[in-house]
Amino acid sequence: MLILVLGGAYGQGKDSLTGLPVMPAAETMLAGKSYGFQPVQVPEGTVCKSRMRGDFYALHNMNVKDKNVKVSAAVAWYDAHLSGFKKTHGYVDKGPQNAGHRSQTAFYNSSGTIVVFITGEAAGQGEDSNTYGIGYQRYEPGISEKTIASMTQGKIDCK
């Protein structure tokens, strides 16, 4: 029985910051060998008076298990693996920190302390593009639903 439990846990990536599951496509691969899940640590910052820490998994990178995951497939995977999380969706137009038009879907817990963002590659609004990356963020104290929804629109509303 122990072997089955360990076997089931093996290969299931967890984000070290949040403890949440990471989509298998984000696994780092080099020459056919797995190096586990290697996020880029996002610089710590402040959002609406809350301390923010984050990890970013770049799916557009050639060194991941699957760099051609459609946003709809990524959203469906997180829908199935983040029970109890709420979801909001937006669209970010071109801006100073954005290479183009990108879809943004956010999954968040009820306290607003953990948010997972799925960002699509640049595409026309409503197109199902490939997933650009997945960001895991922790906020202390939590941020509001309105703030999270505004972030999927490429702006921050702290009200």
N, C-alpha and C. Protein backbone atom coordinates (compact mmCIF):
# COMPACT_ATOMS: atom_id res chain seq x y z
N MET A 1 0.81 -1.19 0.00
CA MET A 1 0.00 0.00 0.00
C MET A 1 0.85 1.25 0.00
N LEU A 2 1.94 1.25 0.74
CA LEU A 2 2.83 2.40 0.81
C LEU A 2 3.41 2.71 -0.57
N ILE A 3 3.73 1.70 -1.31
CA ILE A 3 4.29 1.89 -2.64
C ILE A 3 3.30 2.61 -3.53
N LEU A 4 2.03 2.27 -3.45
CA LEU A 4 1.01 2.94 -4.25
C LEU A 4 0.88 4.40 -3.86
N VAL A 5 0.94 4.70 -2.59
CA VAL A 5 0.83 6.08 -2.13
C VAL A 5 2.02 6.89 -2.63
N LEU A 6 3.23 6.36 -2.47
CA LEU A 6 4.41 7.06 -2.95
C LEU A 6 4.40 7.18 -4.46
N GLY A 7 3.99 6.13 -5.13
CA GLY A 7 3.91 6.17 -6.59
C GLY A 7 2.93 7.21 -7.07
N GLY A 8 1.84 7.38 -6.38
CA GLY A 8 0.86 8.38 -6.76
C GLY A 8 1.35 9.79 -6.51
N ALA A 9 2.19 9.99 -5.51
CA ALA A 9 2.70 11.32 -5.19
C ALA A 9 3.87 11.71 -6.08
N TYR A 10 4.60 10.72 -6.58
CA TYR A 10 5.77 11.00 -7.40
C TYR A 10 5.34 11.70 -8.69
N GLY A 11 6.04 12.76 -9.04
CA GLY A 11 5.75 13.46 -10.28
C GLY A 11 4.67 14.51 -10.13
N GLN A 12 4.06 14.59 -8.97
CA GLN A 12 3.06 15.62 -8.74
C GLN A 12 3.78 16.84 -8.18
N GLY A 13 4.00 17.83 -9.03
CA GLY A 13 4.70 19.03 -8.60
C GLY A 13 3.85 19.89 -7.70
N LYS A 14 4.49 20.42 -6.68
CA LYS A 14 3.83 21.37 -5.76
C LYS A 14 4.66 22.64 -5.75
N ASP A 15 4.00 23.76 -5.78
CA ASP A 15 4.68 25.03 -5.67
C ASP A 15 5.18 25.20 -4.24
N SER A 16 6.45 25.51 -4.06
CA SER A 16 7.03 25.58 -2.72
C SER A 16 6.50 26.77 -1.92
N LEU A 17 6.07 27.83 -2.58
CA LEU A 17 5.56 29.01 -1.88
C LEU A 17 4.15 28.80 -1.33
N THR A 18 3.29 28.14 -2.12
CA THR A 18 1.88 28.01 -1.75
C THR A 18 1.49 26.59 -1.36
N GLY A 19 2.26 25.60 -1.77
CA GLY A 19 1.92 24.20 -1.52
C GLY A 19 0.87 23.67 -2.49
N LEU A 20 0.48 24.49 -3.46
CA LEU A 20 -0.54 24.08 -4.43
C LEU A 20 0.08 23.25 -5.55
N PRO A 21 -0.74 22.41 -6.20
CA PRO A 21 -0.22 21.62 -7.32
C PRO A 21 0.18 22.50 -8.50
N VAL A 22 1.19 22.05 -9.23
CA VAL A 22 1.65 22.73 -10.44
C VAL A 22 1.33 21.83 -11.63
N MET A 23 0.78 22.43 -12.64
CA MET A 23 0.42 21.70 -13.86
C MET A 23 1.63 20.92 -14.39
N PRO A 24 1.46 19.62 -14.71
CA PRO A 24 2.58 18.80 -15.17
C PRO A 24 3.35 19.37 -16.35
N ALA A 25 2.69 20.13 -17.22
CA ALA A 25 3.36 20.71 -18.40
C ALA A 25 4.50 21.64 -18.01
N ALA A 26 4.49 22.18 -16.78
CA ALA A 26 5.51 23.14 -16.33
C ALA A 26 6.78 22.47 -15.81
N GLU A 27 6.83 21.15 -15.83
CA GLU A 27 8.01 20.43 -15.35
C GLU A 27 9.22 20.77 -16.22
N THR A 28 10.34 21.08 -15.60
CA THR A 28 11.56 21.41 -16.32
C THR A 28 12.20 20.14 -16.88
N MET A 29 12.46 20.15 -18.19
CA MET A 29 13.06 19.00 -18.88
C MET A 29 14.27 19.49 -19.67
N LEU A 30 15.32 18.70 -19.64
CA LEU A 30 16.52 19.00 -20.41
C LEU A 30 17.08 17.70 -20.95
N ALA A 31 17.18 17.61 -22.26
CA ALA A 31 17.68 16.41 -22.92
C ALA A 31 16.94 15.15 -22.44
N GLY A 32 15.61 15.29 -22.28
CA GLY A 32 14.78 14.16 -21.88
C GLY A 32 14.83 13.82 -20.41
N LYS A 33 15.57 14.57 -19.61
CA LYS A 33 15.68 14.31 -18.18
C LYS A 33 14.90 15.37 -17.40
N SER A 34 14.14 14.92 -16.40
CA SER A 34 13.37 15.83 -15.57
C SER A 34 14.23 16.45 -14.48
N TYR A 35 14.04 17.75 -14.31
CA TYR A 35 14.69 18.50 -13.23
C TYR A 35 13.64 19.04 -12.26
N GLY A 36 12.48 18.42 -12.26
CA GLY A 36 11.41 18.83 -11.36
C GLY A 36 10.79 20.14 -11.81
N PHE A 37 10.25 20.85 -10.89
CA PHE A 37 9.57 22.11 -11.17
C PHE A 37 10.46 23.25 -10.69
N GLN A 38 10.90 24.09 -11.61
CA GLN A 38 11.88 25.13 -11.34
C GLN A 38 11.29 26.51 -11.64
N PRO A 39 10.56 27.10 -10.71
CA PRO A 39 9.99 28.42 -10.99
C PRO A 39 11.05 29.51 -10.89
N VAL A 40 10.73 30.64 -11.48
CA VAL A 40 11.51 31.86 -11.29
C VAL A 40 10.87 32.56 -10.09
N GLN A 41 11.67 32.93 -9.13
CA GLN A 41 11.13 33.64 -7.97
C GLN A 41 10.87 35.09 -8.36
N VAL A 42 9.65 35.54 -8.18
CA VAL A 42 9.25 36.90 -8.49
C VAL A 42 9.77 37.80 -7.36
N PRO A 43 10.33 38.97 -7.70
CA PRO A 43 10.79 39.87 -6.63
C PRO A 43 9.65 40.24 -5.68
N GLU A 44 9.93 40.20 -4.41
CA GLU A 44 8.94 40.55 -3.39
C GLU A 44 8.51 42.00 -3.59
N GLY A 45 7.25 42.27 -3.31
CA GLY A 45 6.76 43.64 -3.48
C GLY A 45 5.54 43.90 -2.62
N THR A 46 4.95 45.07 -2.83
CA THR A 46 3.75 45.47 -2.10
C THR A 46 2.64 45.74 -3.10
N VAL A 47 1.48 45.17 -2.86
CA VAL A 47 0.30 45.40 -3.68
C VAL A 47 -0.83 45.79 -2.74
N CYS A 48 -1.33 47.00 -2.89
CA CYS A 48 -2.44 47.48 -2.05
C CYS A 48 -2.15 47.27 -0.56
N LYS A 49 -1.00 47.64 -0.12
CA LYS A 49 -0.56 47.53 1.27
C LYS A 49 -0.38 46.10 1.76
N SER A 50 -0.37 45.13 0.84
CA SER A 50 -0.14 43.74 1.19
C SER A 50 1.22 43.31 0.65
N ARG A 51 1.92 42.53 1.45
CA ARG A 51 3.20 41.97 1.02
C ARG A 51 2.92 40.87 0.01
N MET A 52 3.61 40.92 -1.15
CA MET A 52 3.41 39.92 -2.19
C MET A 52 4.72 39.19 -2.43
N ARG A 53 4.61 37.85 -2.46
CA ARG A 53 5.72 36.99 -2.87
C ARG A 53 5.18 36.09 -3.98
N GLY A 54 6.05 35.70 -4.92
CA GLY A 54 5.54 34.90 -6.02
C GLY A 54 6.56 34.00 -6.68
N ASP A 55 6.03 33.00 -7.36
CA ASP A 55 6.78 32.08 -8.21
C ASP A 55 6.15 32.14 -9.60
N PHE A 56 6.99 32.01 -10.64
CA PHE A 56 6.49 32.04 -12.01
C PHE A 56 7.04 30.85 -12.78
N TYR A 57 6.15 30.11 -13.42
CA TYR A 57 6.51 28.96 -14.24
C TYR A 57 6.27 29.36 -15.69
N ALA A 58 7.34 29.49 -16.47
CA ALA A 58 7.26 29.93 -17.86
C ALA A 58 7.00 28.74 -18.78
N LEU A 59 5.81 28.64 -19.32
CA LEU A 59 5.51 27.54 -20.24
C LEU A 59 5.97 27.83 -21.65
N HIS A 60 6.28 29.07 -21.97
CA HIS A 60 6.76 29.40 -23.30
C HIS A 60 8.24 29.02 -23.47
N ASN A 61 8.87 28.60 -22.40
CA ASN A 61 10.27 28.20 -22.39
C ASN A 61 10.43 26.86 -23.09
N MET A 62 11.49 26.68 -23.85
CA MET A 62 11.67 25.41 -24.56
C MET A 62 12.08 24.28 -23.63
N ASN A 63 12.40 24.57 -22.37
CA ASN A 63 12.86 23.54 -21.43
C ASN A 63 11.76 23.09 -20.47
N VAL A 64 10.54 23.03 -20.95
CA VAL A 64 9.45 22.50 -20.14
C VAL A 64 8.87 21.27 -20.84
N LYS A 65 8.14 20.50 -20.07
CA LYS A 65 7.58 19.24 -20.59
C LYS A 65 6.68 19.49 -21.80
N ASP A 66 5.83 20.51 -21.74
CA ASP A 66 4.91 20.80 -22.85
C ASP A 66 4.70 22.30 -22.95
N LYS A 67 5.29 22.93 -23.97
CA LYS A 67 5.16 24.38 -24.13
C LYS A 67 3.99 24.77 -25.02
N ASN A 68 3.18 23.81 -25.43
CA ASN A 68 2.06 24.10 -26.33
C ASN A 68 0.71 23.82 -25.67
N VAL A 69 0.57 24.18 -24.42
CA VAL A 69 -0.68 23.97 -23.69
C VAL A 69 -1.61 25.16 -23.94
N LYS A 70 -2.77 24.90 -24.46
CA LYS A 70 -3.75 25.96 -24.69
C LYS A 70 -4.24 26.50 -23.34
N VAL A 71 -4.58 27.78 -23.32
CA VAL A 71 -5.08 28.41 -22.10
C VAL A 71 -6.31 27.66 -21.59
N SER A 72 -7.20 27.26 -22.49
CA SER A 72 -8.42 26.55 -22.06
C SER A 72 -8.06 25.25 -21.34
N ALA A 73 -7.02 24.56 -21.80
CA ALA A 73 -6.59 23.31 -21.14
C ALA A 73 -5.98 23.60 -19.77
N ALA A 74 -5.19 24.66 -19.67
CA ALA A 74 -4.59 25.03 -18.38
C ALA A 74 -5.67 25.43 -17.38
N VAL A 75 -6.64 26.21 -17.82
CA VAL A 75 -7.74 26.64 -16.95
C VAL A 75 -8.54 25.41 -16.50
N ALA A 76 -8.80 24.49 -17.40
CA ALA A 76 -9.54 23.27 -17.04
C ALA A 76 -8.75 22.44 -16.02
N TRP A 77 -7.43 22.36 -16.19
CA TRP A 77 -6.60 21.59 -15.25
C TRP A 77 -6.68 22.22 -13.85
N TYR A 78 -6.55 23.54 -13.77
CA TYR A 78 -6.61 24.20 -12.46
C TYR A 78 -8.02 24.17 -11.88
N ASP A 79 -9.04 24.24 -12.72
CA ASP A 79 -10.42 24.07 -12.24
C ASP A 79 -10.56 22.74 -11.51
N ALA A 80 -9.94 21.70 -12.06
CA ALA A 80 -10.05 20.35 -11.49
C ALA A 80 -9.15 20.15 -10.26
N HIS A 81 -8.10 20.95 -10.11
CA HIS A 81 -7.12 20.72 -9.04
C HIS A 81 -7.12 21.76 -7.92
N LEU A 82 -7.88 22.83 -8.06
CA LEU A 82 -7.94 23.85 -7.01
C LEU A 82 -9.35 23.95 -6.46
N SER A 83 -9.79 22.90 -5.81
CA SER A 83 -11.15 22.89 -5.27
C SER A 83 -11.28 23.96 -4.18
N GLY A 84 -12.41 24.61 -4.18
CA GLY A 84 -12.66 25.66 -3.20
C GLY A 84 -12.14 27.03 -3.63
N PHE A 85 -11.41 27.10 -4.72
CA PHE A 85 -10.91 28.39 -5.21
C PHE A 85 -11.94 29.03 -6.13
N LYS A 86 -11.99 30.34 -6.11
CA LYS A 86 -12.85 31.10 -7.00
C LYS A 86 -12.04 31.43 -8.25
N LYS A 87 -12.74 31.87 -9.31
CA LYS A 87 -12.06 32.16 -10.57
C LYS A 87 -12.60 33.44 -11.17
N THR A 88 -11.71 34.22 -11.78
CA THR A 88 -12.10 35.39 -12.54
C THR A 88 -11.22 35.46 -13.78
N HIS A 89 -11.74 36.08 -14.81
CA HIS A 89 -11.02 36.13 -16.09
C HIS A 89 -11.02 37.56 -16.62
N GLY A 90 -9.94 37.93 -17.26
CA GLY A 90 -9.84 39.25 -17.87
C GLY A 90 -8.96 39.21 -19.09
N TYR A 91 -8.71 40.39 -19.61
CA TYR A 91 -7.93 40.53 -20.82
C TYR A 91 -7.08 41.77 -20.68
N VAL A 92 -5.77 41.63 -20.88
CA VAL A 92 -4.83 42.73 -20.72
C VAL A 92 -4.44 43.23 -22.11
N ASP A 93 -4.69 44.52 -22.36
CA ASP A 93 -4.26 45.13 -23.62
C ASP A 93 -2.78 45.46 -23.55
N LYS A 94 -2.23 45.94 -24.65
CA LYS A 94 -0.82 46.33 -24.66
C LYS A 94 -0.57 47.38 -23.59
N GLY A 95 0.58 47.26 -22.97
CA GLY A 95 0.97 48.21 -21.94
C GLY A 95 2.47 48.19 -21.77
N PRO A 96 2.99 49.01 -20.85
CA PRO A 96 4.43 49.11 -20.68
C PRO A 96 5.11 47.80 -20.27
N GLN A 97 4.41 46.92 -19.55
CA GLN A 97 5.01 45.66 -19.11
C GLN A 97 4.41 44.46 -19.83
N ASN A 98 3.80 44.70 -20.96
CA ASN A 98 3.09 43.63 -21.65
C ASN A 98 3.45 43.62 -23.12
N ALA A 99 3.86 42.49 -23.63
CA ALA A 99 4.28 42.37 -25.02
C ALA A 99 3.11 42.33 -26.00
N GLY A 100 1.91 42.29 -25.54
CA GLY A 100 0.76 42.24 -26.43
C GLY A 100 -0.51 41.93 -25.68
N HIS A 101 -1.54 41.64 -26.43
CA HIS A 101 -2.84 41.33 -25.84
C HIS A 101 -2.80 39.92 -25.26
N ARG A 102 -3.08 39.80 -23.96
CA ARG A 102 -2.99 38.51 -23.28
C ARG A 102 -4.23 38.26 -22.42
N SER A 103 -4.68 37.01 -22.42
CA SER A 103 -5.76 36.64 -21.50
C SER A 103 -5.15 36.40 -20.13
N GLN A 104 -5.92 36.67 -19.09
CA GLN A 104 -5.50 36.45 -17.71
C GLN A 104 -6.65 35.78 -16.97
N THR A 105 -6.37 34.63 -16.38
CA THR A 105 -7.35 33.96 -15.53
C THR A 105 -6.72 33.83 -14.16
N ALA A 106 -7.47 34.20 -13.13
CA ALA A 106 -6.97 34.12 -11.76
C ALA A 106 -7.84 33.17 -10.95
N PHE A 107 -7.19 32.26 -10.23
CA PHE A 107 -7.83 31.40 -9.23
C PHE A 107 -7.37 31.91 -7.88
N TYR A 108 -8.29 32.07 -6.94
CA TYR A 108 -7.91 32.64 -5.64
C TYR A 108 -8.72 32.03 -4.52
N ASN A 109 -8.10 31.98 -3.33
CA ASN A 109 -8.82 31.46 -2.17
C ASN A 109 -9.70 32.56 -1.58
N SER A 110 -10.61 32.18 -0.70
CA SER A 110 -11.61 33.12 -0.19
C SER A 110 -11.00 34.27 0.63
N SER A 111 -9.82 34.06 1.21
CA SER A 111 -9.18 35.13 2.00
C SER A 111 -8.31 36.05 1.14
N GLY A 112 -8.13 35.71 -0.14
CA GLY A 112 -7.31 36.54 -1.02
C GLY A 112 -5.83 36.48 -0.71
N THR A 113 -5.42 35.44 0.03
CA THR A 113 -4.01 35.32 0.39
C THR A 113 -3.21 34.53 -0.65
N ILE A 114 -3.89 33.70 -1.46
CA ILE A 114 -3.21 32.93 -2.50
C ILE A 114 -3.95 33.14 -3.82
N VAL A 115 -3.17 33.50 -4.85
CA VAL A 115 -3.73 33.71 -6.19
C VAL A 115 -2.83 32.98 -7.19
N VAL A 116 -3.47 32.28 -8.12
CA VAL A 116 -2.75 31.62 -9.22
C VAL A 116 -3.23 32.29 -10.51
N PHE A 117 -2.29 32.87 -11.25
CA PHE A 117 -2.60 33.53 -12.52
C PHE A 117 -2.15 32.67 -13.69
N ILE A 118 -3.04 32.48 -14.67
CA ILE A 118 -2.70 31.80 -15.91
C ILE A 118 -2.72 32.88 -17.00
N THR A 119 -1.59 33.07 -17.65
CA THR A 119 -1.45 34.11 -18.66
C THR A 119 -1.27 33.47 -20.02
N GLY A 120 -2.06 33.93 -20.98
CA GLY A 120 -1.95 33.42 -22.35
C GLY A 120 -0.91 34.19 -23.14
N GLU A 121 -0.42 33.57 -24.20
CA GLU A 121 0.48 34.28 -25.11
C GLU A 121 -0.32 35.35 -25.84
N ALA A 122 0.39 36.32 -26.39
CA ALA A 122 -0.26 37.41 -27.11
C ALA A 122 -1.13 36.84 -28.23
N ALA A 123 -2.39 37.29 -28.28
CA ALA A 123 -3.34 36.83 -29.29
C ALA A 123 -4.51 37.79 -29.32
N GLY A 124 -5.37 37.63 -30.27
CA GLY A 124 -6.58 38.44 -30.33
C GLY A 124 -7.53 38.07 -29.21
N GLN A 125 -8.32 39.04 -28.77
CA GLN A 125 -9.25 38.79 -27.68
C GLN A 125 -10.21 37.67 -28.06
N GLY A 126 -10.37 36.71 -27.13
CA GLY A 126 -11.26 35.59 -27.35
C GLY A 126 -10.60 34.39 -28.01
N GLU A 127 -9.34 34.55 -28.49
CA GLU A 127 -8.62 33.42 -29.09
C GLU A 127 -8.05 32.54 -28.00
N ASP A 128 -8.02 31.24 -28.25
CA ASP A 128 -7.45 30.29 -27.29
C ASP A 128 -5.97 30.09 -27.63
N SER A 129 -5.14 30.97 -27.10
CA SER A 129 -3.71 30.92 -27.38
C SER A 129 -3.02 29.90 -26.49
N ASN A 130 -1.73 29.69 -26.73
CA ASN A 130 -0.93 28.87 -25.84
C ASN A 130 -0.72 29.60 -24.53
N THR A 131 -0.48 28.84 -23.48
CA THR A 131 -0.24 29.42 -22.16
C THR A 131 1.18 29.98 -22.11
N TYR A 132 1.31 31.24 -21.74
CA TYR A 132 2.61 31.89 -21.61
C TYR A 132 3.28 31.49 -20.30
N GLY A 133 2.50 31.54 -19.22
CA GLY A 133 3.07 31.18 -17.93
C GLY A 133 2.02 31.09 -16.84
N ILE A 134 2.44 30.56 -15.70
CA ILE A 134 1.56 30.40 -14.55
C ILE A 134 2.27 31.02 -13.35
N GLY A 135 1.60 31.95 -12.71
CA GLY A 135 2.17 32.63 -11.55
C GLY A 135 1.43 32.26 -10.27
N TYR A 136 2.19 31.94 -9.25
CA TYR A 136 1.65 31.64 -7.92
C TYR A 136 2.04 32.80 -7.03
N GLN A 137 1.06 33.41 -6.36
CA GLN A 137 1.35 34.55 -5.51
C GLN A 137 0.72 34.39 -4.14
N ARG A 138 1.44 34.86 -3.12
CA ARG A 138 0.96 34.86 -1.74
C ARG A 138 0.93 36.31 -1.26
N TYR A 139 -0.20 36.70 -0.66
CA TYR A 139 -0.40 38.06 -0.16
C TYR A 139 -0.63 38.02 1.35
N GLU A 140 0.05 38.92 2.06
CA GLU A 140 -0.12 39.05 3.51
C GLU A 140 -0.28 40.53 3.86
N PRO A 141 -1.42 40.99 4.31
CA PRO A 141 -2.70 40.27 4.39
C PRO A 141 -3.29 40.08 3.00
N GLY A 142 -4.37 39.32 2.93
CA GLY A 142 -5.01 39.02 1.65
C GLY A 142 -5.52 40.27 0.95
N ILE A 143 -5.70 40.17 -0.36
CA ILE A 143 -6.24 41.27 -1.16
C ILE A 143 -7.69 40.95 -1.52
N SER A 144 -8.43 41.99 -1.90
CA SER A 144 -9.87 41.83 -2.15
C SER A 144 -10.15 41.18 -3.52
N GLU A 145 -11.35 40.65 -3.65
CA GLU A 145 -11.78 40.08 -4.93
C GLU A 145 -11.75 41.14 -6.03
N LYS A 146 -12.12 42.36 -5.69
CA LYS A 146 -12.11 43.45 -6.66
C LYS A 146 -10.68 43.73 -7.14
N THR A 147 -9.73 43.69 -6.22
CA THR A 147 -8.33 43.90 -6.61
C THR A 147 -7.85 42.78 -7.52
N ILE A 148 -8.18 41.53 -7.17
CA ILE A 148 -7.77 40.39 -8.00
C ILE A 148 -8.38 40.50 -9.40
N ALA A 149 -9.66 40.82 -9.47
CA ALA A 149 -10.33 40.97 -10.77
C ALA A 149 -9.68 42.09 -11.58
N SER A 150 -9.30 43.19 -10.94
CA SER A 150 -8.67 44.30 -11.65
C SER A 150 -7.31 43.89 -12.22
N MET A 151 -6.61 43.02 -11.51
CA MET A 151 -5.30 42.57 -11.97
C MET A 151 -5.41 41.76 -13.26
N THR A 152 -6.52 41.07 -13.47
CA THR A 152 -6.70 40.31 -14.72
C THR A 152 -7.00 41.25 -15.89
N GLN A 153 -7.20 42.52 -15.58
CA GLN A 153 -7.47 43.54 -16.61
C GLN A 153 -6.22 44.40 -16.87
N GLY A 154 -5.12 44.08 -16.18
CA GLY A 154 -3.87 44.81 -16.39
C GLY A 154 -3.76 46.09 -15.59
N LYS A 155 -4.54 46.20 -14.53
CA LYS A 155 -4.48 47.39 -13.67
C LYS A 155 -4.68 46.92 -12.24
N ILE A 156 -4.45 47.80 -11.30
CA ILE A 156 -4.66 47.42 -9.89
C ILE A 156 -5.60 48.44 -9.27
N ASP A 157 -6.72 47.94 -8.75
CA ASP A 157 -7.70 48.76 -8.05
C ASP A 157 -7.70 48.32 -6.60
N CYS A 158 -7.19 49.16 -5.72
CA CYS A 158 -7.08 48.82 -4.30
C CYS A 158 -8.34 49.15 -3.51
N LYS A 159 -9.34 49.71 -4.12
CA LYS A 159 -10.54 50.09 -3.39
C LYS A 159 -11.40 48.91 -3.05
